[in-house]
Protein backbone atom coordinates (compact mmCIF):
# COMPACT_ATOMS: atom_id res chain seq x y z
CA MET A 1 58.16 90.69 -12.95
CA ARG A 2 58.65 86.15 -12.72
CA ARG A 3 57.86 84.52 -9.84
CA SER A 4 58.00 80.76 -9.39
CA GLY A 5 57.83 80.42 -13.27
CA GLN A 6 54.89 82.60 -14.00
CA TRP A 7 54.19 86.01 -15.17
CA ASN A 8 52.46 87.94 -13.25
CA GLY A 9 51.57 91.02 -15.94
CA ARG A 10 53.74 93.52 -13.94
CA LEU A 11 56.94 95.58 -14.24
CA GLY A 12 59.68 94.65 -10.99
CA HIS A 13 61.17 98.10 -11.97
CA SER A 14 60.79 101.19 -14.32
CA GLY A 15 63.51 103.20 -13.92
CA PRO A 16 64.75 106.94 -14.54
CA ALA A 17 66.95 105.87 -17.32
CA GLY A 18 65.30 106.24 -20.75
CA GLY A 19 66.64 104.50 -24.03
CA LYS A 20 69.09 101.24 -23.90
CA ALA A 21 71.39 100.33 -20.77
CA ALA A 22 74.06 97.95 -20.49
CA LEU A 23 74.40 96.30 -17.31
CA ILE A 24 77.26 94.35 -15.89
CA VAL A 25 77.19 93.29 -11.91
CA ALA A 26 79.85 94.25 -9.74
CA GLY A 27 79.71 92.85 -6.48
CA ASP A 28 76.65 94.50 -4.50
CA VAL A 29 76.76 96.72 -6.99
CA VAL A 30 74.87 97.20 -10.92
CA LEU A 31 76.59 99.28 -13.04
CA VAL A 32 74.06 100.74 -15.40
CA GLN A 33 74.99 102.53 -19.16
CA THR A 34 73.03 104.46 -20.63
CA SER A 35 73.26 104.89 -24.63
CA ASP A 36 73.32 108.68 -23.98
CA GLY A 37 76.81 108.41 -21.27
CA GLU A 38 75.74 108.06 -18.35
CA LEU A 39 76.60 105.54 -16.03
CA LEU A 40 74.74 105.00 -12.87
CA VAL A 41 75.39 102.44 -10.33
CA VAL A 42 72.59 100.87 -8.15
CA ALA A 43 72.64 98.56 -5.60
CA ALA A 44 71.89 94.70 -6.28
CA ASP A 45 68.56 95.15 -4.26
CA ARG A 46 66.08 92.49 -5.28
CA THR A 47 63.32 94.12 -3.21
CA SER A 48 64.15 98.55 -4.32
CA TYR A 49 65.84 100.52 -6.60
CA ARG A 50 68.27 102.45 -4.66
CA GLU A 51 70.71 104.65 -6.98
CA LEU A 52 73.92 105.46 -5.15
CA ALA A 53 75.85 107.46 -7.80
CA ARG A 54 75.28 109.04 -11.60
CA TYR A 55 78.36 110.14 -13.63
CA ARG A 56 78.47 111.15 -16.99
CA LEU A 57 80.97 109.17 -18.75
CA SER A 58 80.99 110.88 -22.44
CA GLU A 59 79.01 113.53 -24.28
CA THR A 60 78.11 111.61 -27.27
CA ALA A 61 76.67 108.37 -27.28
CA THR A 62 77.85 105.12 -25.77
CA TRP A 63 76.20 102.00 -27.92
CA ALA A 64 78.92 99.80 -26.60
CA HIS A 65 78.49 97.16 -24.14
CA PRO A 66 81.25 98.22 -21.28
CA ALA A 67 83.57 95.92 -20.01
CA LEU A 68 84.79 96.06 -16.74
CA VAL A 69 88.62 94.47 -16.55
CA GLY A 70 89.57 94.69 -12.55
CA SER A 71 88.80 97.92 -11.06
CA LYS A 72 89.14 99.52 -14.55
CA LEU A 73 85.71 100.56 -16.72
CA LEU A 74 85.86 100.71 -20.72
CA VAL A 75 84.01 102.13 -21.98
CA LYS A 76 83.44 103.01 -26.28
CA ASP A 77 81.86 106.37 -27.22
CA ARG A 78 81.46 107.49 -30.93
CA GLU A 79 84.77 108.66 -31.10
CA HIS A 80 87.04 107.50 -28.43
CA LEU A 81 87.64 104.23 -26.37
CA LEU A 82 88.11 105.80 -22.66
CA VAL A 83 89.33 103.94 -19.34
CA PHE A 84 88.15 104.92 -16.12
CA ASP A 85 89.98 104.00 -12.76
CA LEU A 86 86.61 102.89 -10.31
CA SER A 87 89.23 101.84 -7.66
CA GLU A 88 89.38 105.57 -6.77
């Protein structure tokens, strides 16, 4: 974790998701799209990791970075462009 420009040699957090992930900060949450098709909704909290929800977005890989447009989350998996309405 980086503090005051110095590296202390420790990880700030080692999360539950393996592989690669794309992050979007949306207000007081962070949307974490994993490369295996899951969406984690995590509290934007510097002091602790709090997973608020977890959703399966796709059964295939999701390598492209998602896009948040208003309340709509656009996700590209291996075969489709998917749209999820986060306001519901």
